[in-house]
PDB file of N, CA and C in Angstrom:
ATOM      1  N   MET A   1      96.745 100.009 108.011  1.00  0.00           N
ATOM      2  CA  MET A   1      96.054 101.126 107.361  1.00  0.00           C
ATOM      3  C   MET A   1      95.289 100.580 106.158  1.00  0.00           C
ATOM      4  N   SER A   2      94.079 101.077 105.954  1.00  0.00           N
ATOM      5  CA  SER A   2      93.303 100.646 104.779  1.00  0.00           C
ATOM      6  C   SER A   2      92.703 101.850 104.124  1.00  0.00           C
ATOM      7  N   MET A   3      92.010 101.551 102.992  1.00  0.00           N
ATOM      8  CA  MET A   3      91.427 102.613 102.203  1.00  0.00           C
ATOM      9  C   MET A   3      90.048 102.155 101.748  1.00  0.00           C
ATOM     10  N   ALA A   4      89.082 103.028 101.787  1.00  0.00           N
ATOM     11  CA  ALA A   4      87.719 102.695 101.400  1.00  0.00           C
ATOM     12  C   ALA A   4      87.576 102.694  99.844  1.00  0.00           C
ATOM     13  N   ALA A   5      86.762 101.813  99.360  1.00  0.00           N
ATOM     14  CA  ALA A   5      86.505 101.702  97.892  1.00  0.00           C
ATOM     15  C   ALA A   5      86.053 103.045  97.334  1.00  0.00           C
ATOM     16  N   GLN A   6      85.241 103.797  98.063  1.00  0.00           N
ATOM     17  CA  GLN A   6      84.756 105.104  97.619  1.00  0.00           C
ATOM     18  C   GLN A   6      85.889 106.079  97.386  1.00  0.00           C
ATOM     19  N   ASP A   7      86.933 105.993  98.272  1.00  0.00           N
ATOM     20  CA  ASP A   7      88.085 106.886  98.152  1.00  0.00           C
ATOM     21  C   ASP A   7      88.919 106.543  96.879  1.00  0.00           C
ATOM     22  N   ILE A   8      89.041 105.271  96.605  1.00  0.00           N
ATOM     23  CA  ILE A   8      89.749 104.842  95.386  1.00  0.00           C
ATOM     24  C   ILE A   8      88.983 105.353  94.172  1.00  0.00           C
ATOM     25  N   GLU A   9      87.683 105.143  94.170  1.00  0.00           N
ATOM     26  CA  GLU A   9      86.885 105.612  93.003  1.00  0.00           C
ATOM     27  C   GLU A   9      87.005 107.115  92.873  1.00  0.00           C
ATOM     28  N   ARG A  10      86.905 107.866  93.973  1.00  0.00           N
ATOM     29  CA  ARG A  10      86.956 109.306  93.922  1.00  0.00           C
ATOM     30  C   ARG A  10      88.301 109.775  93.289  1.00  0.00           C
ATOM     31  N   LEU A  11      89.381 109.197  93.729  1.00  0.00           N
ATOM     32  CA  LEU A  11      90.708 109.594  93.207  1.00  0.00           C
ATOM     33  C   LEU A  11      90.807 109.311  91.695  1.00  0.00           C
ATOM     34  N   ILE A  12      90.292 108.155  91.286  1.00  0.00           N
ATOM     35  CA  ILE A  12      90.363 107.816  89.870  1.00  0.00           C
ATOM     36  C   ILE A  12      89.456 108.768  89.064  1.00  0.00           C
ATOM     37  N   LYS A  13      88.277 109.039  89.564  1.00  0.00           N
ATOM     38  CA  LYS A  13      87.318 109.941  88.898  1.00  0.00           C
ATOM     39  C   LYS A  13      87.856 111.394  88.817  1.00  0.00           C
ATOM     40  N   GLU A  14      88.675 111.797  89.782  1.00  0.00           N
ATOM     41  CA  GLU A  14      89.280 113.145  89.693  1.00  0.00           C
ATOM     42  C   GLU A  14      90.124 113.291  88.453  1.00  0.00           C
ATOM     43  N   THR A  15      90.848 112.202  88.103  1.00  0.00           N
ATOM     44  CA  THR A  15      91.714 112.234  86.907  1.00  0.00           C
ATOM     45  C   THR A  15      90.976 111.820  85.652  1.00  0.00           C
ATOM     46  N   PHE A  16      89.990 110.934  85.789  1.00  0.00           N
ATOM     47  CA  PHE A  16      89.248 110.451  84.601  1.00  0.00           C
ATOM     48  C   PHE A  16      87.743 110.671  84.881  1.00  0.00           C
ATOM     49  N   PRO A  17      87.259 111.939  84.796  1.00  0.00           N
ATOM     50  CA  PRO A  17      85.900 112.255  85.245  1.00  0.00           C
ATOM     51  C   PRO A  17      84.803 111.519  84.427  1.00  0.00           C
ATOM     52  N   TYR A  18      85.046 111.140  83.217  1.00  0.00           N
ATOM     53  CA  TYR A  18      84.027 110.450  82.432  1.00  0.00           C
ATOM     54  C   TYR A  18      84.208 108.954  82.366  1.00  0.00           C
ATOM     55  N   ALA A  19      85.100 108.418  83.161  1.00  0.00           N
ATOM     56  CA  ALA A  19      85.376 106.966  83.191  1.00  0.00           C
ATOM     57  C   ALA A  19      84.259 106.231  83.862  1.00  0.00           C
ATOM     58  N   ARG A  20      84.082 104.953  83.463  1.00  0.00           N
ATOM     59  CA  ARG A  20      83.265 104.047  84.209  1.00  0.00           C
ATOM     60  C   ARG A  20      84.236 103.313  85.168  1.00  0.00           C
ATOM     61  N   VAL A  21      83.970 103.371  86.424  1.00  0.00           N
ATOM     62  CA  VAL A  21      84.891 102.817  87.419  1.00  0.00           C
ATOM     63  C   VAL A  21      84.093 101.829  88.305  1.00  0.00           C
ATOM     64  N   SER A  22      84.640 100.614  88.453  1.00  0.00           N
ATOM     65  CA  SER A  22      84.054  99.611  89.313  1.00  0.00           C
ATOM     66  C   SER A  22      85.146  99.123  90.271  1.00  0.00           C
ATOM     67  N   ILE A  23      84.813  99.144  91.542  1.00  0.00           N
ATOM     68  CA  ILE A  23      85.803  98.757  92.603  1.00  0.00           C
ATOM     69  C   ILE A  23      85.205  97.545  93.377  1.00  0.00           C
ATOM     70  N   ASP A  24      85.984  96.526  93.515  1.00  0.00           N
ATOM     71  CA  ASP A  24      85.559  95.359  94.304  1.00  0.00           C
ATOM     72  C   ASP A  24      86.549  95.146  95.431  1.00  0.00           C
ATOM     73  N   ASP A  25      86.081  94.965  96.672  1.00  0.00           N
ATOM     74  CA  ASP A  25      86.923  94.642  97.819  1.00  0.00           C
ATOM     75  C   ASP A  25      87.056  93.121  97.826  1.00  0.00           C
ATOM     76  N   LEU A  26      88.208  92.626  97.464  1.00  0.00           N
ATOM     77  CA  LEU A  26      88.391  91.197  97.248  1.00  0.00           C
ATOM     78  C   LEU A  26      88.407  90.375  98.517  1.00  0.00           C
ATOM     79  N   ALA A  27      88.909  90.940  99.609  1.00  0.00           N
ATOM     80  CA  ALA A  27      89.036  90.165 100.847  1.00  0.00           C
ATOM     81  C   ALA A  27      88.157  90.741 101.979  1.00  0.00           C
ATOM     82  N   GLY A  28      87.492  91.818 101.734  1.00  0.00           N
ATOM     83  CA  GLY A  28      86.645  92.423 102.786  1.00  0.00           C
ATOM     84  C   GLY A  28      87.408  93.095 103.866  1.00  0.00           C
ATOM     85  N   ASP A  29      88.711  93.376 103.599  1.00  0.00           N
ATOM     86  CA  ASP A  29      89.569  93.983 104.602  1.00  0.00           C
ATOM     87  C   ASP A  29      89.968  95.420 104.307  1.00  0.00           C
ATOM     88  N   GLY A  30      89.527  95.961 103.197  1.00  0.00           N
ATOM     89  CA  GLY A  30      89.895  97.317 102.845  1.00  0.00           C
ATOM     90  C   GLY A  30      91.332  97.459 102.363  1.00  0.00           C
ATOM     91  N   ASN A  31      91.992  96.327 102.070  1.00  0.00           N
ATOM     92  CA  ASN A  31      93.402  96.385 101.639  1.00  0.00           C
ATOM     93  C   ASN A  31      93.649  95.708 100.301  1.00  0.00           C
ATOM     94  N   HIS A  32      92.682  94.893  99.835  1.00  0.00           N
ATOM     95  CA  HIS A  32      92.879  94.133  98.604  1.00  0.00           C
ATOM     96  C   HIS A  32      91.675  94.388  97.678  1.00  0.00           C
ATOM     97  N   TYR A  33      91.925  95.138  96.638  1.00  0.00           N
ATOM     98  CA  TYR A  33      90.859  95.533  95.730  1.00  0.00           C
ATOM     99  C   TYR A  33      91.112  95.085  94.288  1.00  0.00           C
ATOM    100  N   ALA A  34      90.040  95.034  93.490  1.00  0.00           N
ATOM    101  CA  ALA A  34      90.130  94.923  92.076  1.00  0.00           C
ATOM    102  C   ALA A  34      89.367  96.124  91.505  1.00  0.00           C
ATOM    103  N   ALA A  35      89.945  96.744  90.479  1.00  0.00           N
ATOM    104  CA  ALA A  35      89.295  97.874  89.857  1.00  0.00           C
ATOM    105  C   ALA A  35      89.231  97.712  88.347  1.00  0.00           C
ATOM    106  N   THR A  36      88.134  98.058  87.812  1.00  0.00           N
ATOM    107  CA  THR A  36      87.966  98.113  86.328  1.00  0.00           C
ATOM    108  C   THR A  36      87.707  99.562  85.956  1.00  0.00           C
ATOM    109  N   VAL A  37      88.498 100.072  85.057  1.00  0.00           N
ATOM    110  CA  VAL A  37      88.375 101.437  84.635  1.00  0.00           C
ATOM    111  C   VAL A  37      88.258 101.519  83.156  1.00  0.00           C
ATOM    112  N   VAL A  38      87.158 102.070  82.661  1.00  0.00           N
ATOM    113  CA  VAL A  38      86.946 102.160  81.241  1.00  0.00           C
ATOM    114  C   VAL A  38      86.930 103.651  80.887  1.00  0.00           C
ATOM    115  N   SER A  39      87.889 104.079  80.062  1.00  0.00           N
ATOM    116  CA  SER A  39      87.961 105.504  79.760  1.00  0.00           C
ATOM    117  C   SER A  39      88.485 105.683  78.324  1.00  0.00           C
ATOM    118  N   GLU A  40      87.914 106.675  77.631  1.00  0.00           N
ATOM    119  CA  GLU A  40      88.333 107.036  76.314  1.00  0.00           C
ATOM    120  C   GLU A  40      89.782 107.500  76.335  1.00  0.00           C
ATOM    121  N   THR A  41      90.274 108.014  77.414  1.00  0.00           N
ATOM    122  CA  THR A  41      91.611 108.444  77.569  1.00  0.00           C
ATOM    123  C   THR A  41      92.631 107.338  77.315  1.00  0.00           C
ATOM    124  N   PHE A  42      92.210 106.113  77.474  1.00  0.00           N
ATOM    125  CA  PHE A  42      93.147 104.922  77.303  1.00  0.00           C
ATOM    126  C   PHE A  42      93.321 104.524  75.850  1.00  0.00           C
ATOM    127  N   ARG A  43      92.445 105.069  74.948  1.00  0.00           N
ATOM    128  CA  ARG A  43      92.502 104.663  73.541  1.00  0.00           C
ATOM    129  C   ARG A  43      93.888 104.942  72.994  1.00  0.00           C
ATOM    130  N   GLY A  44      94.466 103.903  72.366  1.00  0.00           N
ATOM    131  CA  GLY A  44      95.761 104.040  71.744  1.00  0.00           C
ATOM    132  C   GLY A  44      96.946 103.862  72.689  1.00  0.00           C
ATOM    133  N   LYS A  45      96.679 103.696  73.984  1.00  0.00           N
ATOM    134  CA  LYS A  45      97.715 103.501  74.944  1.00  0.00           C
ATOM    135  C   LYS A  45      97.866 101.995  75.236  1.00  0.00           C
ATOM    136  N   SER A  46      99.136 101.618  75.580  1.00  0.00           N
ATOM    137  CA  SER A  46      99.389 100.203  75.924  1.00  0.00           C
ATOM    138  C   SER A  46      98.793  99.917  77.306  1.00  0.00           C
ATOM    139  N   ARG A  47      98.660  98.706  77.649  1.00  0.00           N
ATOM    140  CA  ARG A  47      98.133  98.297  78.966  1.00  0.00           C
ATOM    141  C   ARG A  47      99.021  98.847  80.092  1.00  0.00           C
ATOM    142  N   VAL A  48     100.306  98.855  79.884  1.00  0.00           N
ATOM    143  CA  VAL A  48     101.251  99.349  80.887  1.00  0.00           C
ATOM    144  C   VAL A  48     101.024 100.860  81.066  1.00  0.00           C
ATOM    145  N   GLU A  49     100.833 101.583  79.949  1.00  0.00           N
ATOM    146  CA  GLU A  49     100.596 102.998  80.021  1.00  0.00           C
ATOM    147  C   GLU A  49      99.294 103.301  80.785  1.00  0.00           C
ATOM    148  N   GLN A  50      98.265 102.510  80.459  1.00  0.00           N
ATOM    149  CA  GLN A  50      96.936 102.673  81.097  1.00  0.00           C
ATOM    150  C   GLN A  50      97.064 102.472  82.603  1.00  0.00           C
ATOM    151  N   HIS A  51      97.720 101.424  83.029  1.00  0.00           N
ATOM    152  CA  HIS A  51      97.865 101.130  84.460  1.00  0.00           C
ATOM    153  C   HIS A  51      98.689 102.220  85.176  1.00  0.00           C
ATOM    154  N   LYS A  52      99.729 102.680  84.528  1.00  0.00           N
ATOM    155  CA  LYS A  52     100.531 103.736  85.120  1.00  0.00           C
ATOM    156  C   LYS A  52      99.688 105.033  85.332  1.00  0.00           C
ATOM    157  N   MET A  53      98.796 105.269  84.334  1.00  0.00           N
ATOM    158  CA  MET A  53      97.905 106.429  84.472  1.00  0.00           C
ATOM    159  C   MET A  53      97.012 106.318  85.711  1.00  0.00           C
ATOM    160  N   VAL A  54      96.481 105.103  85.933  1.00  0.00           N
ATOM    161  CA  VAL A  54      95.634 104.876  87.099  1.00  0.00           C
ATOM    162  C   VAL A  54      96.420 104.995  88.390  1.00  0.00           C
ATOM    163  N   TYR A  55      97.611 104.365  88.410  1.00  0.00           N
ATOM    164  CA  TYR A  55      98.447 104.458  89.592  1.00  0.00           C
ATOM    165  C   TYR A  55      98.811 105.888  89.902  1.00  0.00           C
ATOM    166  N   ASP A  56      99.086 106.687  88.870  1.00  0.00           N
ATOM    167  CA  ASP A  56      99.391 108.155  89.071  1.00  0.00           C
ATOM    168  C   ASP A  56      98.164 108.844  89.663  1.00  0.00           C
ATOM    169  N   ALA A  57      96.976 108.455  89.247  1.00  0.00           N
ATOM    170  CA  ALA A  57      95.737 109.039  89.786  1.00  0.00           C
ATOM    171  C   ALA A  57      95.563 108.770  91.263  1.00  0.00           C
ATOM    172  N   LEU A  58      96.161 107.694  91.754  1.00  0.00           N
ATOM    173  CA  LEU A  58      96.037 107.300  93.164  1.00  0.00           C
ATOM    174  C   LEU A  58      97.017 108.088  94.049  1.00  0.00           C
ATOM    175  N   LYS A  59      97.826 108.961  93.445  1.00  0.00           N
ATOM    176  CA  LYS A  59      98.653 109.933  94.162  1.00  0.00           C
ATOM    177  C   LYS A  59      99.533 109.314  95.244  1.00  0.00           C
ATOM    178  N   GLY A  60     100.217 108.256  94.880  1.00  0.00           N
ATOM    179  CA  GLY A  60     101.200 107.671  95.798  1.00  0.00           C
ATOM    180  C   GLY A  60     100.622 106.813  96.927  1.00  0.00           C
ATOM    181  N   ARG A  61      99.370 106.507  96.851  1.00  0.00           N
ATOM    182  CA  ARG A  61      98.761 105.681  97.923  1.00  0.00           C
ATOM    183  C   ARG A  61      99.017 104.186  97.737  1.00  0.00           C
ATOM    184  N   MET A  62      99.407 103.773  96.526  1.00  0.00           N
ATOM    185  CA  MET A  62      99.737 102.356  96.306  1.00  0.00           C
ATOM    186  C   MET A  62     100.921 101.961  97.143  1.00  0.00           C
ATOM    187  N   GLY A  63     100.790 100.851  97.867  1.00  0.00           N
ATOM    188  CA  GLY A  63     101.845 100.373  98.740  1.00  0.00           C
ATOM    189  C   GLY A  63     101.776 100.973 100.137  1.00  0.00           C
ATOM    190  N   GLY A  64     100.934 101.976 100.311  1.00  0.00           N
ATOM    191  CA  GLY A  64     100.772 102.587 101.627  1.00  0.00           C
ATOM    192  C   GLY A  64      99.382 102.311 102.099  1.00  0.00           C
ATOM    193  N   ALA A  65      98.490 103.313 101.939  1.00  0.00           N
ATOM    194  CA  ALA A  65      97.098 103.161 102.383  1.00  0.00           C
ATOM    195  C   ALA A  65      96.406 102.075 101.566  1.00  0.00           C
ATOM    196  N   LEU A  66      96.838 101.885 100.355  1.00  0.00           N
ATOM    197  CA  LEU A  66      96.257 100.896  99.432  1.00  0.00           C
ATOM    198  C   LEU A  66      97.316  99.812  99.233  1.00  0.00           C
ATOM    199  N   HIS A  67      97.077  98.639  99.793  1.00  0.00           N
ATOM    200  CA  HIS A  67      98.046  97.529  99.767  1.00  0.00           C
ATOM    201  C   HIS A  67      98.099  96.861  98.403  1.00  0.00           C
ATOM    202  N   ALA A  68      96.935  96.490  97.825  1.00  0.00           N
ATOM    203  CA  ALA A  68      96.932  95.733  96.604  1.00  0.00           C
ATOM    204  C   ALA A  68      95.739  96.156  95.728  1.00  0.00           C
ATOM    205  N   LEU A  69      95.986  96.320  94.443  1.00  0.00           N
ATOM    206  CA  LEU A  69      94.939  96.696  93.530  1.00  0.00           C
ATOM    207  C   LEU A  69      95.191  95.981  92.182  1.00  0.00           C
ATOM    208  N   ALA A  70      94.283  95.045  91.885  1.00  0.00           N
ATOM    209  CA  ALA A  70      94.320  94.342  90.609  1.00  0.00           C
ATOM    210  C   ALA A  70      93.553  95.211  89.592  1.00  0.00           C
ATOM    211  N   LEU A  71      94.199  95.587  88.510  1.00  0.00           N
ATOM    212  CA  LEU A  71      93.581  96.509  87.525  1.00  0.00           C
ATOM    213  C   LEU A  71      93.192  95.837  86.236  1.00  0.00           C
ATOM    214  N   LYS A  72      92.047  96.267  85.767  1.00  0.00           N
ATOM    215  CA  LYS A  72      91.643  96.007  84.391  1.00  0.00           C
ATOM    216  C   LYS A  72      91.299  97.389  83.802  1.00  0.00           C
ATOM    217  N   THR A  73      91.925  97.689  82.702  1.00  0.00           N
ATOM    218  CA  THR A  73      91.691  98.975  82.027  1.00  0.00           C
ATOM    219  C   THR A  73      91.428  98.754  80.561  1.00  0.00           C
ATOM    220  N   ARG A  74      90.626  99.652  79.990  1.00  0.00           N
ATOM    221  CA  ARG A  74      90.387  99.591  78.555  1.00  0.00           C
ATOM    222  C   ARG A  74      89.680 100.842  78.112  1.00  0.00           C
ATOM    223  N   ALA A  75      89.703 101.115  76.802  1.00  0.00           N
ATOM    224  CA  ALA A  75      88.911 102.160  76.200  1.00  0.00           C
ATOM    225  C   ALA A  75      87.504 101.588  75.909  1.00  0.00           C
ATOM    226  N   PRO A  76      86.494 102.448  75.826  1.00  0.00           N
ATOM    227  CA  PRO A  76      85.137 101.929  75.544  1.00  0.00           C
ATOM    228  C   PRO A  76      85.099 101.227  74.185  1.00  0.00           C
ATOM    229  N   ALA A  77      84.227 100.260  74.083  1.00  0.00           N
ATOM    230  CA  ALA A  77      84.058  99.548  72.768  1.00  0.00           C
ATOM    231  C   ALA A  77      83.434 100.421  71.742  1.00  0.00           C
TER     232      ALA A  77
END
């Protein structure tokens, strides 16, 4: 089972509508992605908190439809 990059972006944008989101398919297989999410919502949050927020936005798809996601998160400069 795989997941399209557009679906990952859509789920993240549903939770963080003003975020800048970039998704890269690392292996070309729809299972291994890298995502960069830049959102004001992350300001003052630890990296662990930021990543948890993104994983929560994916609504339980991590480990199922989405096998691997390398995350980079930050607040805007």
